[in-house]
């Protein structure tokens, strides 16, 4: 989870402070809020690219102004 959170924070196009991460056995869950569908997809792609991640459960909600 820490590696995924760090990767999200390094992605300049995301507001990672509004995204929470949990991980168990290679399955990463993302939840929180993002401003639009593009940010939601970007967060999922960034998380999936982290070493050791087998799958991503994207539970991010789109909230304008997030």
C-alpha atoms as a PDB file:
ATOM      1  CA  UNK A   1       0.000   0.000   0.000  1.00  0.00           C
ATOM      2  CA  UNK A   2       2.831   2.399   0.841  1.00  0.00           C
ATOM      3  CA  UNK A   3       4.503   1.863  -2.557  1.00  0.00           C
ATOM      4  CA  UNK A   4       1.208   2.533  -4.348  1.00  0.00           C
ATOM      5  CA  UNK A   5       0.534   5.682  -2.295  1.00  0.00           C
ATOM      6  CA  UNK A   6       4.049   6.949  -3.104  1.00  0.00           C
ATOM      7  CA  UNK A   7       3.501   6.251  -6.815  1.00  0.00           C
ATOM      8  CA  UNK A   8       0.177   8.106  -6.738  1.00  0.00           C
ATOM      9  CA  UNK A   9       1.778  11.070  -4.972  1.00  0.00           C
ATOM     10  CA  UNK A  10       4.495  11.264  -7.638  1.00  0.00           C
ATOM     11  CA  UNK A  11       1.902  11.476 -10.426  1.00  0.00           C
ATOM     12  CA  UNK A  12       1.507  15.237 -10.927  1.00  0.00           C
ATOM     13  CA  UNK A  13      -1.892  14.992 -12.628  1.00  0.00           C
ATOM     14  CA  UNK A  14      -3.469  13.463  -9.488  1.00  0.00           C
ATOM     15  CA  UNK A  15      -4.552  14.956  -6.185  1.00  0.00           C
ATOM     16  CA  UNK A  16      -3.310  11.908  -4.282  1.00  0.00           C
ATOM     17  CA  UNK A  17      -4.063  13.300  -0.831  1.00  0.00           C
ATOM     18  CA  UNK A  18      -7.757  12.528  -1.503  1.00  0.00           C
ATOM     19  CA  UNK A  19      -6.965   8.881  -2.373  1.00  0.00           C
ATOM     20  CA  UNK A  20      -6.636   6.155   0.249  1.00  0.00           C
ATOM     21  CA  UNK A  21      -4.932   2.844  -0.476  1.00  0.00           C
ATOM     22  CA  UNK A  22      -5.110  -0.592   1.103  1.00  0.00           C
ATOM     23  CA  UNK A  23      -3.430  -3.777  -0.080  1.00  0.00           C
ATOM     24  CA  UNK A  24      -3.657  -7.459   0.721  1.00  0.00           C
ATOM     25  CA  UNK A  25      -2.006 -10.338  -1.137  1.00  0.00           C
ATOM     26  CA  UNK A  26      -1.274  -8.165  -4.180  1.00  0.00           C
ATOM     27  CA  UNK A  27      -4.829  -6.815  -4.450  1.00  0.00           C
ATOM     28  CA  UNK A  28      -4.889  -3.036  -4.073  1.00  0.00           C
ATOM     29  CA  UNK A  29      -8.046  -1.078  -3.226  1.00  0.00           C
ATOM     30  CA  UNK A  30      -8.303   2.615  -4.037  1.00  0.00           C
ATOM     31  CA  UNK A  31     -10.979   4.758  -2.461  1.00  0.00           C
ATOM     32  CA  UNK A  32     -11.628   8.413  -1.921  1.00  0.00           C
ATOM     33  CA  UNK A  33     -12.464  11.118  -4.433  1.00  0.00           C
ATOM     34  CA  UNK A  34     -11.113  12.366  -7.746  1.00  0.00           C
ATOM     35  CA  UNK A  35     -12.201  15.302  -9.905  1.00  0.00           C
ATOM     36  CA  UNK A  36     -13.043  13.407 -13.097  1.00  0.00           C
ATOM     37  CA  UNK A  37     -12.970  10.092 -14.969  1.00  0.00           C
ATOM     38  CA  UNK A  38      -9.477  10.824 -16.324  1.00  0.00           C
ATOM     39  CA  UNK A  39      -8.047  11.088 -12.806  1.00  0.00           C
ATOM     40  CA  UNK A  40      -9.875   7.882 -11.844  1.00  0.00           C
ATOM     41  CA  UNK A  41      -8.322   5.975 -14.779  1.00  0.00           C
ATOM     42  CA  UNK A  42      -4.884   7.485 -14.141  1.00  0.00           C
ATOM     43  CA  UNK A  43      -4.943   6.428 -10.485  1.00  0.00           C
ATOM     44  CA  UNK A  44      -5.858   2.870 -11.471  1.00  0.00           C
ATOM     45  CA  UNK A  45      -3.085   2.717 -14.114  1.00  0.00           C
ATOM     46  CA  UNK A  46      -0.455   4.088 -11.715  1.00  0.00           C
ATOM     47  CA  UNK A  47      -1.470   1.595  -9.014  1.00  0.00           C
ATOM     48  CA  UNK A  48      -1.457  -1.340 -11.447  1.00  0.00           C
ATOM     49  CA  UNK A  49       2.078  -0.465 -12.591  1.00  0.00           C
ATOM     50  CA  UNK A  50       3.577  -0.835  -9.081  1.00  0.00           C
ATOM     51  CA  UNK A  51       5.677  -3.978  -8.610  1.00  0.00           C
ATOM     52  CA  UNK A  52       3.810  -6.732  -6.771  1.00  0.00           C
ATOM     53  CA  UNK A  53       0.318  -5.469  -7.605  1.00  0.00           C
ATOM     54  CA  UNK A  54      -1.807  -8.278  -9.069  1.00  0.00           C
ATOM     55  CA  UNK A  55      -5.083  -6.396  -9.399  1.00  0.00           C
ATOM     56  CA  UNK A  56      -6.701  -3.070  -8.530  1.00  0.00           C
ATOM     57  CA  UNK A  57     -10.163  -2.492  -7.076  1.00  0.00           C
ATOM     58  CA  UNK A  58     -11.002   1.057  -8.077  1.00  0.00           C
ATOM     59  CA  UNK A  59     -13.609   2.407  -5.666  1.00  0.00           C
ATOM     60  CA  UNK A  60     -12.823   6.077  -6.337  1.00  0.00           C
ATOM     61  CA  UNK A  61     -15.796   8.408  -6.538  1.00  0.00           C
ATOM     62  CA  UNK A  62     -15.882  11.280  -9.019  1.00  0.00           C
ATOM     63  CA  UNK A  63     -16.662  14.533  -7.214  1.00  0.00           C
ATOM     64  CA  UNK A  64     -16.313  17.840  -9.045  1.00  0.00           C
ATOM     65  CA  UNK A  65     -13.802  20.093  -7.350  1.00  0.00           C
ATOM     66  CA  UNK A  66     -11.956  17.268  -5.585  1.00  0.00           C
END
